[in-house]
Protein backbone atom coordinates (compact mmCIF):
# COMPACT_ATOMS: atom_id res chain seq x y z
CA MET A 1 43.16 -181.15 -123.18
CA VAL A 2 46.67 -179.69 -123.22
CA GLY A 3 49.53 -181.50 -121.81
CA GLY A 4 47.23 -184.06 -120.08
CA SER A 5 45.38 -181.20 -118.26
CA SER A 6 41.71 -181.27 -117.78
CA PRO A 7 39.66 -178.03 -118.97
CA LYS A 8 38.38 -175.93 -116.14
CA ARG A 9 35.07 -176.22 -114.99
CA VAL A 10 33.12 -173.29 -114.47
CA SER A 11 30.77 -172.96 -111.68
CA PRO A 12 27.08 -171.67 -112.49
CA TRP A 13 27.67 -168.49 -110.88
CA GLU A 14 31.16 -167.96 -112.65
CA ALA A 15 28.95 -168.24 -115.90
CA ALA A 16 26.38 -165.74 -114.58
CA PHE A 17 28.68 -163.23 -113.72
CA ALA A 18 30.53 -163.47 -116.79
CA LEU A 19 27.39 -162.62 -118.77
CA LEU A 20 26.98 -159.41 -116.63
CA GLU A 21 30.53 -158.49 -116.83
CA ALA A 22 30.19 -156.30 -119.86
CA PRO A 23 27.22 -154.15 -120.84
CA PRO A 24 25.49 -155.45 -123.95
CA GLY A 25 26.06 -153.91 -127.22
CA SER A 26 22.49 -153.56 -128.42
CA LEU A 27 19.09 -154.53 -127.51
CA ALA A 28 19.46 -158.06 -129.20
CA ASP A 29 22.66 -158.69 -127.16
CA ALA A 30 20.81 -157.93 -124.32
CA VAL A 31 17.75 -160.04 -125.25
CA VAL A 32 20.49 -162.56 -125.76
CA ARG A 33 22.15 -162.62 -122.57
CA LEU A 34 18.82 -162.09 -120.43
CA GLU A 35 17.32 -165.62 -122.08
CA GLN A 36 20.72 -167.42 -121.41
CA LEU A 37 20.38 -166.02 -117.52
CA ILE A 38 16.66 -167.19 -117.08
CA PRO A 39 17.63 -171.20 -117.24
CA MET A 40 20.81 -170.48 -115.09
CA GLY A 41 18.67 -170.32 -112.23
CA GLY A 42 17.95 -174.09 -111.75
CA ALA A 43 21.80 -174.51 -111.51
CA LEU A 44 22.25 -171.58 -109.12
CA ARG A 45 19.64 -173.01 -107.00
CA GLU A 46 21.48 -176.12 -106.89
CA THR A 47 24.51 -174.46 -105.47
CA LEU A 48 22.32 -173.59 -102.18
CA ALA A 49 22.31 -175.07 -99.11
CA PRO A 50 18.86 -176.58 -98.20
CA ASP A 51 18.12 -174.40 -95.64
CA SER A 52 18.77 -171.23 -97.95
CA GLY A 53 15.14 -170.37 -98.55
CA GLU A 54 15.45 -166.94 -98.46
CA ALA A 55 18.21 -167.01 -101.04
CA ARG A 56 16.31 -169.59 -103.08
CA SER A 57 13.09 -166.89 -103.49
CA TRP A 58 15.37 -163.76 -104.51
CA LEU A 59 16.90 -166.69 -107.26
CA ASP A 60 12.92 -167.03 -108.13
CA ARG A 61 12.75 -163.17 -108.26
CA PHE A 62 15.79 -162.75 -110.65
CA GLN A 63 14.64 -165.28 -113.02
CA ALA A 64 11.01 -163.54 -113.19
CA GLU A 65 12.87 -160.24 -113.41
CA CYS A 66 15.06 -161.73 -116.32
CA GLN A 67 11.66 -162.97 -118.31
CA GLU A 68 9.97 -159.85 -117.65
CA HIS A 69 12.85 -157.53 -118.87
CA ALA A 70 13.49 -160.06 -121.95
CA ARG A 71 9.99 -159.83 -122.69
CA VAL A 72 9.94 -155.69 -122.81
CA LEU A 73 13.07 -155.47 -124.71
CA ARG A 74 11.57 -158.26 -127.21
CA MET A 75 9.10 -155.56 -128.12
CA PHE A 76 11.86 -153.01 -129.60
CA THR A 77 14.10 -155.73 -131.37
CA ALA A 78 13.94 -155.41 -135.00
CA PRO A 79 12.49 -158.77 -136.70
CA GLY A 80 14.88 -161.54 -137.54
CA GLU A 81 17.76 -160.50 -135.06
CA PRO A 82 18.92 -163.77 -133.12
CA SER A 83 17.54 -164.33 -129.93
CA ALA A 84 19.06 -167.16 -127.58
CA SER A 85 16.65 -169.63 -128.52
CA GLN A 86 17.48 -168.92 -132.12
CA GLY A 87 21.09 -169.33 -131.99
CA GLY A 88 22.24 -166.03 -130.89
CA GLY A 89 25.12 -167.09 -129.13
CA GLU A 90 27.00 -165.49 -126.39
CA GLY A 91 27.17 -161.86 -126.54
CA GLY A 92 24.35 -161.66 -129.26
CA SER A 93 24.82 -161.30 -132.78
CA GLY A 94 28.55 -160.20 -134.61
CA ASN A 95 27.14 -157.09 -135.88
CA ASP A 96 26.21 -155.45 -132.89
CA ALA A 97 29.48 -153.16 -132.10
CA ASN A 98 29.17 -151.79 -135.80
CA ARG A 99 25.55 -150.43 -135.02
CA SER A 100 23.41 -148.78 -132.78
CA ASP A 101 19.87 -149.13 -132.18
CA PRO A 102 17.16 -146.39 -132.76
CA SER A 103 15.79 -144.39 -130.35
CA LEU A 104 12.45 -144.68 -128.80
CA ARG A 105 11.44 -141.60 -130.58
CA GLU A 106 12.96 -142.85 -133.84
CA LEU A 107 11.06 -146.05 -133.25
CA ALA A 108 7.73 -144.14 -132.85
CA THR A 109 7.75 -142.63 -135.99
CA ALA A 110 8.88 -145.57 -137.87
CA GLU A 111 6.81 -146.50 -141.06
CA ALA A 112 3.63 -148.47 -139.82
CA ALA A 113 4.13 -150.83 -142.69
CA ALA A 114 7.69 -151.82 -141.09
CA PRO A 115 8.64 -155.80 -142.32
CA GLY A 116 7.98 -158.45 -139.97
CA PRO A 117 5.29 -160.60 -138.72
CA GLU A 118 3.71 -157.59 -137.06
CA PRO A 119 4.03 -154.68 -139.28
CA GLY A 120 4.45 -151.58 -137.38
CA GLY A 121 4.68 -153.31 -133.69
CA ARG A 122 7.97 -151.95 -132.63
CA ALA A 123 6.38 -148.43 -133.63
CA ARG A 124 3.27 -149.28 -131.78
CA ALA A 125 5.09 -150.61 -128.62
CA ALA A 126 7.47 -147.20 -128.64
CA ARG A 127 4.80 -145.02 -128.94
CA ALA A 128 2.88 -146.64 -125.83
CA LEU A 129 6.31 -146.32 -124.18
CA LEU A 130 6.71 -142.84 -124.74
CA HIS A 131 3.23 -142.06 -123.69
CA GLN A 132 4.02 -143.35 -120.27
CA LEU A 133 7.09 -141.86 -119.70
CA GLU A 134 5.71 -138.52 -120.74
CA GLY A 135 3.05 -138.71 -118.26
CA LEU A 136 5.39 -139.58 -115.50
CA ALA A 137 7.58 -136.66 -116.71
CA ARG A 138 4.46 -134.31 -116.56
CA ARG A 139 3.49 -135.64 -112.92
CA CYS A 140 6.84 -135.03 -111.64
CA THR A 141 6.74 -131.59 -113.04
CA ARG A 142 3.62 -131.34 -111.26
CA MET A 143 5.01 -132.63 -107.92
CA ALA A 144 8.36 -130.28 -108.49
CA GLU A 145 5.66 -127.39 -108.54
CA MET A 146 5.70 -126.80 -104.70
CA ASP A 147 5.28 -123.58 -102.43
CA PHE A 148 8.36 -122.72 -100.56
CA GLY A 149 7.30 -119.08 -99.74
CA PHE A 150 5.54 -119.66 -96.19
CA LEU A 151 8.96 -120.98 -95.14
CA PHE A 152 11.34 -118.44 -96.83
CA ASP A 153 12.08 -115.36 -94.47
CA ASN A 154 12.63 -112.29 -96.89
CA GLU A 155 14.47 -110.46 -94.22
CA ARG A 156 17.09 -112.70 -93.44
CA LYS A 157 16.73 -114.45 -96.95
CA LEU A 158 16.88 -118.03 -95.22
CA PHE A 159 14.62 -120.94 -95.02
CA THR A 160 13.39 -121.64 -91.43
CA ILE A 161 13.27 -125.08 -89.99
CA GLY A 162 9.62 -125.45 -90.18
CA TYR A 163 6.24 -124.42 -89.84
CA ASN A 164 3.67 -124.71 -86.79
CA VAL A 165 0.58 -125.51 -88.51
CA SER A 166 -1.55 -125.23 -84.97
CA ASP A 167 -0.14 -121.62 -84.80
CA ARG A 168 0.02 -120.82 -88.48
CA CYS A 169 3.55 -119.18 -88.11
CA ARG A 170 6.83 -120.30 -89.22
CA ASP A 171 9.56 -121.61 -86.37
CA GLY A 172 11.91 -119.08 -85.26
CA SER A 173 15.11 -121.16 -86.20
CA PHE A 174 16.71 -121.02 -89.72
CA TYR A 175 18.87 -123.51 -91.76
CA ASP A 176 21.71 -121.30 -92.27
CA LEU A 177 24.69 -123.67 -92.33
CA LEU A 178 25.66 -124.90 -95.53
CA ALA A 179 26.42 -128.34 -94.17
CA SER A 180 22.79 -129.26 -93.72
CA GLU A 181 20.80 -131.39 -95.43
CA ALA A 182 18.63 -128.38 -96.44
CA ARG A 183 20.93 -127.24 -99.04
CA LEU A 184 19.39 -129.67 -101.10
CA CYS A 185 16.12 -127.60 -101.03
CA SER A 186 17.94 -124.32 -101.26
CA TYR A 187 19.44 -125.74 -104.42
CA PHE A 188 16.32 -126.66 -106.03
CA CYS A 189 14.55 -123.54 -105.34
CA VAL A 190 17.60 -121.57 -106.51
CA ALA A 191 17.53 -124.03 -109.87
CA ARG A 192 14.07 -123.50 -110.20
CA GLY A 193 14.44 -119.41 -109.85
CA LEU A 194 12.17 -119.47 -106.49
CA VAL A 195 14.50 -117.74 -104.77
CA ASN A 196 17.63 -115.55 -105.40
CA GLN A 197 21.34 -116.77 -106.02
CA GLU A 198 22.16 -114.54 -103.14
CA HIS A 199 20.29 -116.96 -100.77
CA TRP A 200 23.07 -119.61 -101.37
CA PHE A 201 26.04 -117.28 -100.53
CA LEU A 202 24.43 -116.19 -97.15
CA PHE A 203 24.88 -120.07 -95.53
CA ARG A 204 27.75 -120.06 -93.19
CA ARG A 205 30.71 -122.06 -93.72
CA LEU A 206 32.23 -122.34 -90.49
CA LEU A 207 35.19 -124.34 -90.66
CA GLY A 208 36.88 -127.15 -88.67
CA GLU A 209 39.73 -129.68 -88.93
CA VAL A 210 39.80 -133.39 -89.54
CA ASP A 211 43.29 -134.92 -89.66
CA GLY A 212 44.81 -131.82 -91.35
CA GLU A 213 42.03 -131.25 -93.82
CA PRO A 214 39.14 -128.41 -93.54
CA VAL A 215 35.57 -129.66 -92.99
CA LEU A 216 32.60 -127.65 -92.88
CA MET A 217 30.84 -127.77 -89.64
CA SER A 218 27.12 -129.18 -88.95
CA TRP A 219 24.80 -128.95 -86.04
CA SER A 220 24.96 -132.63 -85.22
CA GLY A 221 27.92 -134.04 -87.03
CA SER A 222 25.47 -136.69 -88.77
CA MET A 223 26.23 -138.23 -92.06
CA PHE A 224 22.79 -137.32 -93.19
CA GLU A 225 23.51 -133.68 -93.43
CA TYR A 226 26.68 -134.01 -95.04
CA LEU A 227 26.05 -136.85 -97.87
CA MET A 228 22.22 -137.03 -98.26
CA PRO A 229 22.11 -133.79 -100.67
CA LEU A 230 24.84 -135.95 -102.73
CA LEU A 231 22.46 -138.39 -103.84
CA VAL A 232 21.31 -135.51 -105.97
CA MET A 233 23.71 -132.68 -106.17
CA PRO A 234 26.68 -132.45 -108.33
CA THR A 235 30.17 -132.65 -106.73
CA TYR A 236 33.43 -130.76 -108.23
CA ASP A 237 36.57 -131.82 -107.14
CA ASN A 238 38.90 -129.91 -104.84
CA THR A 239 35.87 -127.54 -103.22
CA LEU A 240 35.35 -126.84 -100.11
CA LEU A 241 32.15 -129.07 -100.31
CA ASP A 242 34.32 -131.85 -101.82
CA GLN A 243 36.71 -131.87 -99.14
CA THR A 244 34.22 -131.79 -96.52
CA TYR A 245 32.58 -134.89 -97.83
CA ARG A 246 35.69 -136.84 -97.43
CA ALA A 247 37.01 -135.62 -94.39
CA ALA A 248 33.52 -136.22 -92.67
CA VAL A 249 33.55 -139.63 -93.84
CA ALA A 250 37.17 -140.14 -92.52
CA ALA A 251 35.95 -138.43 -89.18
CA GLN A 252 33.07 -140.96 -89.20
CA VAL A 253 35.56 -143.85 -89.32
CA ARG A 254 38.03 -142.81 -86.97
CA CYS A 255 35.12 -142.25 -84.23
CA GLY A 256 34.00 -145.94 -84.87
CA ARG A 257 37.72 -147.19 -84.56
CA SER A 258 38.18 -145.16 -81.40
CA LEU A 259 34.91 -146.51 -79.95
CA GLY A 260 35.88 -150.26 -81.10
CA ILE A 261 32.43 -150.30 -83.23
CA PRO A 262 31.59 -150.16 -86.77
CA TRP A 263 31.18 -146.72 -87.90
CA GLY A 264 28.36 -144.63 -89.70
CA ILE A 265 26.60 -142.33 -86.91
CA SER A 266 23.52 -140.20 -88.09
CA GLU A 267 19.76 -139.20 -87.24
CA SER A 268 17.75 -142.52 -86.80
CA GLY A 269 15.55 -144.45 -84.65
CA TYR A 270 16.86 -145.53 -81.68
CA GLN A 271 15.91 -147.61 -78.48
CA ALA A 272 13.14 -145.47 -76.73
CA ILE A 273 9.35 -145.85 -77.24
CA ASP A 274 6.40 -143.46 -76.64
CA ALA A 275 3.19 -144.66 -75.13
CA HIS A 276 2.04 -146.30 -78.58
CA GLY A 277 4.96 -148.25 -78.80
CA ASN A 278 6.60 -146.19 -81.71
CA TYR A 279 10.16 -145.61 -81.71
CA GLN A 280 11.75 -142.49 -81.16
CA TYR A 281 13.98 -140.70 -83.64
CA ARG A 282 16.65 -137.87 -83.66
CA ALA A 283 19.91 -136.86 -84.68
CA PHE A 284 23.18 -138.61 -83.72
CA GLY A 285 26.41 -137.31 -84.78
CA ALA A 286 30.25 -137.88 -84.86
CA GLN A 287 31.95 -135.62 -82.36
CA GLY A 288 34.39 -133.00 -83.73
CA LEU A 289 31.78 -132.43 -86.70
CA GLY A 290 28.97 -130.89 -84.88
CA PHE A 291 28.28 -127.93 -82.98
CA LYS A 292 25.47 -129.48 -80.81
CA ARG A 293 26.50 -130.69 -77.22
CA GLY A 294 26.41 -134.12 -75.99
CA LEU A 295 27.58 -135.84 -79.28
CA ALA A 296 29.74 -138.56 -77.47
CA ASP A 297 27.26 -139.18 -74.74
CA ASP A 298 24.76 -141.28 -77.31
CA ILE A 299 26.10 -143.50 -79.58
CA VAL A 300 23.61 -145.24 -82.39
CA VAL A 301 25.02 -146.47 -85.48
CA ALA A 302 22.55 -146.19 -88.27
CA PRO A 303 23.74 -148.67 -91.70
CA TYR A 304 22.27 -146.49 -94.08
CA ALA A 305 25.26 -143.75 -93.20
CA SER A 306 27.54 -146.29 -94.41
CA LEU A 307 25.57 -146.91 -97.61
CA LEU A 308 25.54 -142.98 -98.21
CA ALA A 309 29.44 -142.98 -97.73
CA LEU A 310 29.67 -145.44 -100.70
CA MET A 311 29.32 -141.85 -102.98
CA VAL A 312 32.89 -140.94 -101.07
CA ASP A 313 34.77 -144.14 -99.86
CA PRO A 314 33.47 -147.20 -101.28
CA LEU A 315 35.80 -149.36 -100.14
CA SER A 316 35.73 -148.45 -96.44
CA ALA A 317 32.02 -148.47 -96.80
CA CYS A 318 31.73 -151.66 -98.04
CA GLU A 319 34.08 -153.17 -95.48
CA ASN A 320 31.66 -151.48 -92.58
CA LEU A 321 28.31 -152.69 -93.94
CA GLN A 322 30.11 -156.29 -94.24
CA VAL A 323 31.19 -155.85 -90.29
CA LEU A 324 27.63 -154.93 -89.73
CA ALA A 325 26.27 -157.85 -91.55
CA ARG A 326 28.68 -160.10 -89.52
CA GLU A 327 27.36 -158.57 -86.24
CA GLY A 328 23.85 -159.42 -87.36
CA CYS A 329 22.70 -156.18 -88.16
CA VAL A 330 20.90 -157.30 -91.69
CA GLY A 331 17.54 -159.07 -92.12
CA ARG A 332 15.38 -160.40 -94.88
CA PHE A 333 14.44 -157.00 -95.81
CA GLY A 334 17.74 -155.51 -95.75
CA PHE A 335 19.84 -153.64 -92.91
CA TYR A 336 18.41 -152.46 -89.69
CA GLU A 337 17.53 -148.75 -89.08
CA ALA A 338 19.79 -148.44 -86.54
CA VAL A 339 21.81 -150.17 -83.81
CA ASP A 340 21.38 -148.71 -80.34
């Protein structure tokens, strides 16, 4: 104590967050932190209300995940490196910052007679994991080898919106707007050499305006059209697409505020069911972003639209998700599909 003041008490949550604040410096450091987090679950559980059964189940899952990750990482940690149970201390060994861990391939080619209680154990584990990863890569490659030719119109050099299996013919409409989720398919096909680059420049780039900023117009003004491809595609500052992302989110925010509701309108399920009791699904969007008529007539808020917006305006998206949560739009398995 200094000057008679008592030392600050650190809550279990603060202690856990402190361990997660900075990335580990090495595999050994990661193992140390995981092993320190595992017993913290009991202290964290004591801070919960008696009726918080769901939170307790998530803590149990958290502990189990920590144990599993520690077990896997321990297979690749060099013999003799400290663990939490061996007094590694917080933050791992002091030499972590001056040393880099070998890659999986480096471990896989290590000498079988490596020192330690299990000679060559790390090498065998690395080879087994590499074998699994290479198998997954081959499966992904096979899945990516799709035939898009039957959807591509060689005269227009555009993709149709679909294929009628019963009539065995392509639909008569085309994806011709750059502000469409279909640009992800086009990006993939150009990258794979399945279609010529000319196809990309045949997309129409019709501009609107949001708060003085140019924005590409889409068909329905949905967040899905604008932001879904951004989950995979790169973006570059000061480009038309980059400006469009920001302007589209701003338009959605403004639309929600004008209506006095949480923002985030996109294609989703809504309050209509068919003869079999299945909710129906269609595109909804923000007025001013889409060509489709009647966008202002039906307002359905989809929480996943805010999750997409995290890539563009994380602060506004987080605030909106908090509003949705307070409004009861989240359950045991996450946010609901939509609020009609």
